[in-house]
Amino acid sequence: MKTESPINKDLILRERLALQRTILANQSTFLAFLRTSLYFFVAGLSITSLLNLTNSITIEIFFFTSSFIIFLIGIVNYFRQKKLIIESEKNIGDFINNYL
C-alpha cells in the first residue's frame, strides 16, 4: 500500500507571498505612471517662464495632454492588472481549500 507524502505548506506560503509581491509591483507601477504624469503637468506649467516664450500655448497643451493620457493609461493598466491578480488569486484559493 502506498502512503501519500505530506503536503508542502511552504509552497502555499510562497504562492501567497508571490501574490503579495505582484500586488505591490502593480501599485508601484501605478505610482510610476502617476509620477511621470505629474512631471509632464509641471513641465506644462513652467514652460513659459523657463524658456521665456510668449506664444507657448501649443507646447503647454502638448504637455497637459500628454500628462492626462499617461495618467489614463496608468489607471487602465492598474485596474486591468488588478483584475488579473484577483483571478489568479482565486485559483490559488481553490488549491489551498482542496488540500487543507
C-alpha atoms as a PDB file:
ATOM      1  CA  MET A   1       0.000   0.000   0.000  1.00  0.00           C
ATOM      2  CA  LYS A   2       1.288   3.445  -0.988  1.00  0.00           C
ATOM      3  CA  THR A   3       1.491   6.210   1.531  1.00  0.00           C
ATOM      4  CA  GLU A   4       0.881   9.724   0.332  1.00  0.00           C
ATOM      5  CA  SER A   5       3.518  12.305   1.032  1.00  0.00           C
ATOM      6  CA  PRO A   6       2.511  15.219   3.270  1.00  0.00           C
ATOM      7  CA  ILE A   7       1.537  18.469   1.600  1.00  0.00           C
ATOM      8  CA  ASN A   8       4.281  21.030   1.373  1.00  0.00           C
ATOM      9  CA  LYS A   9       2.782  24.034   3.149  1.00  0.00           C
ATOM     10  CA  ASP A  10       5.844  26.117   2.231  1.00  0.00           C
ATOM     11  CA  LEU A  11       4.618  26.046  -1.362  1.00  0.00           C
ATOM     12  CA  ILE A  12       1.316  27.600  -0.312  1.00  0.00           C
ATOM     13  CA  LEU A  13       3.160  30.301   1.656  1.00  0.00           C
ATOM     14  CA  ARG A  14       5.417  31.005  -1.326  1.00  0.00           C
ATOM     15  CA  GLU A  15       2.387  31.401  -3.559  1.00  0.00           C
ATOM     16  CA  ARG A  16       0.772  33.840  -1.126  1.00  0.00           C
ATOM     17  CA  LEU A  17       3.976  35.845  -0.912  1.00  0.00           C
ATOM     18  CA  ALA A  18       4.305  35.849  -4.698  1.00  0.00           C
ATOM     19  CA  LEU A  19       0.785  37.229  -4.984  1.00  0.00           C
ATOM     20  CA  GLN A  20       1.594  39.916  -2.419  1.00  0.00           C
ATOM     21  CA  ARG A  21       4.732  40.893  -4.364  1.00  0.00           C
ATOM     22  CA  THR A  22       2.662  41.067  -7.544  1.00  0.00           C
ATOM     23  CA  ILE A  23       0.116  43.344  -5.871  1.00  0.00           C
ATOM     24  CA  LEU A  24       2.884  45.625  -4.600  1.00  0.00           C
ATOM     25  CA  ALA A  25       4.522  45.692  -8.036  1.00  0.00           C
ATOM     26  CA  ASN A  26       1.185  46.690  -9.588  1.00  0.00           C
ATOM     27  CA  GLN A  27       0.815  49.543  -7.084  1.00  0.00           C
ATOM     28  CA  SER A  28       4.400  50.637  -7.691  1.00  0.00           C
ATOM     29  CA  THR A  29       3.810  50.689 -11.439  1.00  0.00           C
ATOM     30  CA  PHE A  30       0.713  52.847 -10.977  1.00  0.00           C
ATOM     31  CA  LEU A  31       2.690  55.284  -8.836  1.00  0.00           C
ATOM     32  CA  ALA A  32       5.368  55.464 -11.548  1.00  0.00           C
ATOM     33  CA  PHE A  33       2.691  56.372 -14.104  1.00  0.00           C
ATOM     34  CA  LEU A  34       1.345  58.998 -11.701  1.00  0.00           C
ATOM     35  CA  ARG A  35       4.820  60.442 -11.109  1.00  0.00           C
ATOM     36  CA  THR A  36       5.511  60.676 -14.841  1.00  0.00           C
ATOM     37  CA  SER A  37       2.128  62.285 -15.399  1.00  0.00           C
ATOM     38  CA  LEU A  38       2.884  64.883 -12.742  1.00  0.00           C
ATOM     39  CA  TYR A  39       6.284  65.613 -14.329  1.00  0.00           C
ATOM     40  CA  PHE A  40       4.591  66.374 -17.633  1.00  0.00           C
ATOM     41  CA  PHE A  41       1.984  68.516 -15.874  1.00  0.00           C
ATOM     42  CA  VAL A  42       4.634  70.555 -14.048  1.00  0.00           C
ATOM     43  CA  ALA A  43       6.576  70.917 -17.300  1.00  0.00           C
ATOM     44  CA  GLY A  44       3.440  72.313 -18.913  1.00  0.00           C
ATOM     45  CA  LEU A  45       3.016  74.804 -16.082  1.00  0.00           C
ATOM     46  CA  SER A  46       6.596  76.022 -16.075  1.00  0.00           C
ATOM     47  CA  ILE A  47       7.488  76.007 -19.777  1.00  0.00           C
ATOM     48  CA  THR A  48       6.538  79.674 -20.292  1.00  0.00           C
ATOM     49  CA  SER A  49       8.715  81.034 -17.510  1.00  0.00           C
ATOM     50  CA  LEU A  50      11.548  78.621 -18.186  1.00  0.00           C
ATOM     51  CA  LEU A  51      12.051  79.409 -21.873  1.00  0.00           C
ATOM     52  CA  ASN A  52      10.688  82.973 -21.854  1.00  0.00           C
ATOM     53  CA  LEU A  53       8.311  82.165 -24.691  1.00  0.00           C
ATOM     54  CA  THR A  54       5.330  84.376 -25.333  1.00  0.00           C
ATOM     55  CA  ASN A  55       3.340  82.019 -27.582  1.00  0.00           C
ATOM     56  CA  SER A  56       3.953  78.736 -25.843  1.00  0.00           C
ATOM     57  CA  ILE A  57       0.307  77.702 -25.589  1.00  0.00           C
ATOM     58  CA  THR A  58       0.787  74.810 -28.041  1.00  0.00           C
ATOM     59  CA  ILE A  59       3.693  73.440 -26.032  1.00  0.00           C
ATOM     60  CA  GLU A  60       1.665  73.757 -22.823  1.00  0.00           C
ATOM     61  CA  ILE A  61      -1.285  71.976 -24.408  1.00  0.00           C
ATOM     62  CA  PHE A  62       1.061  69.205 -25.561  1.00  0.00           C
ATOM     63  CA  PHE A  63       2.403  68.696 -22.032  1.00  0.00           C
ATOM     64  CA  PHE A  64      -1.037  68.838 -20.404  1.00  0.00           C
ATOM     65  CA  THR A  65      -2.476  66.397 -22.934  1.00  0.00           C
ATOM     66  CA  SER A  66       0.483  64.049 -22.530  1.00  0.00           C
ATOM     67  CA  SER A  67       0.069  64.214 -18.764  1.00  0.00           C
ATOM     68  CA  PHE A  68      -3.608  63.336 -18.986  1.00  0.00           C
ATOM     69  CA  ILE A  69      -3.025  60.463 -21.435  1.00  0.00           C
ATOM     70  CA  ILE A  70      -0.230  58.973 -19.311  1.00  0.00           C
ATOM     71  CA  PHE A  71      -2.442  59.198 -16.230  1.00  0.00           C
ATOM     72  CA  LEU A  72      -5.327  57.441 -18.025  1.00  0.00           C
ATOM     73  CA  ILE A  73      -3.022  54.691 -19.298  1.00  0.00           C
ATOM     74  CA  GLY A  74      -1.772  54.187 -15.727  1.00  0.00           C
ATOM     75  CA  ILE A  75      -5.319  53.894 -14.349  1.00  0.00           C
ATOM     76  CA  VAL A  76      -6.416  51.453 -17.071  1.00  0.00           C
ATOM     77  CA  ASN A  77      -3.259  49.374 -16.624  1.00  0.00           C
ATOM     78  CA  TYR A  78      -3.677  49.279 -12.831  1.00  0.00           C
ATOM     79  CA  PHE A  79      -7.267  48.042 -12.891  1.00  0.00           C
ATOM     80  CA  ARG A  80      -6.634  45.543 -15.700  1.00  0.00           C
ATOM     81  CA  GLN A  81      -3.707  44.020 -13.802  1.00  0.00           C
ATOM     82  CA  LYS A  82      -5.663  44.089 -10.534  1.00  0.00           C
ATOM     83  CA  LYS A  83      -8.431  42.073 -12.181  1.00  0.00           C
ATOM     84  CA  LEU A  84      -5.897  39.509 -13.452  1.00  0.00           C
ATOM     85  CA  ILE A  85      -4.316  39.266  -9.997  1.00  0.00           C
ATOM     86  CA  ILE A  86      -7.706  38.635  -8.364  1.00  0.00           C
ATOM     87  CA  GLU A  87      -8.471  35.921 -10.918  1.00  0.00           C
ATOM     88  CA  SER A  88      -5.153  34.194 -10.267  1.00  0.00           C
ATOM     89  CA  GLU A  89      -5.709  34.516  -6.508  1.00  0.00           C
ATOM     90  CA  LYS A  90      -8.983  32.610  -6.864  1.00  0.00           C
ATOM     91  CA  ASN A  91      -7.058  29.743  -8.435  1.00  0.00           C
ATOM     92  CA  ILE A  92      -4.611  29.708  -5.550  1.00  0.00           C
ATOM     93  CA  GLY A  93      -7.516  29.786  -3.106  1.00  0.00           C
ATOM     94  CA  ASP A  94      -9.076  26.709  -4.720  1.00  0.00           C
ATOM     95  CA  PHE A  95      -5.747  24.929  -4.456  1.00  0.00           C
ATOM     96  CA  ILE A  96      -5.492  25.749  -0.745  1.00  0.00           C
ATOM     97  CA  ASN A  97      -9.038  24.616   0.004  1.00  0.00           C
ATOM     98  CA  ASN A  98      -8.535  21.310  -1.790  1.00  0.00           C
ATOM     99  CA  TYR A  99      -5.503  20.315   0.269  1.00  0.00           C
ATOM    100  CA  LEU A 100      -6.152  21.637   3.764  1.00  0.00           C
END
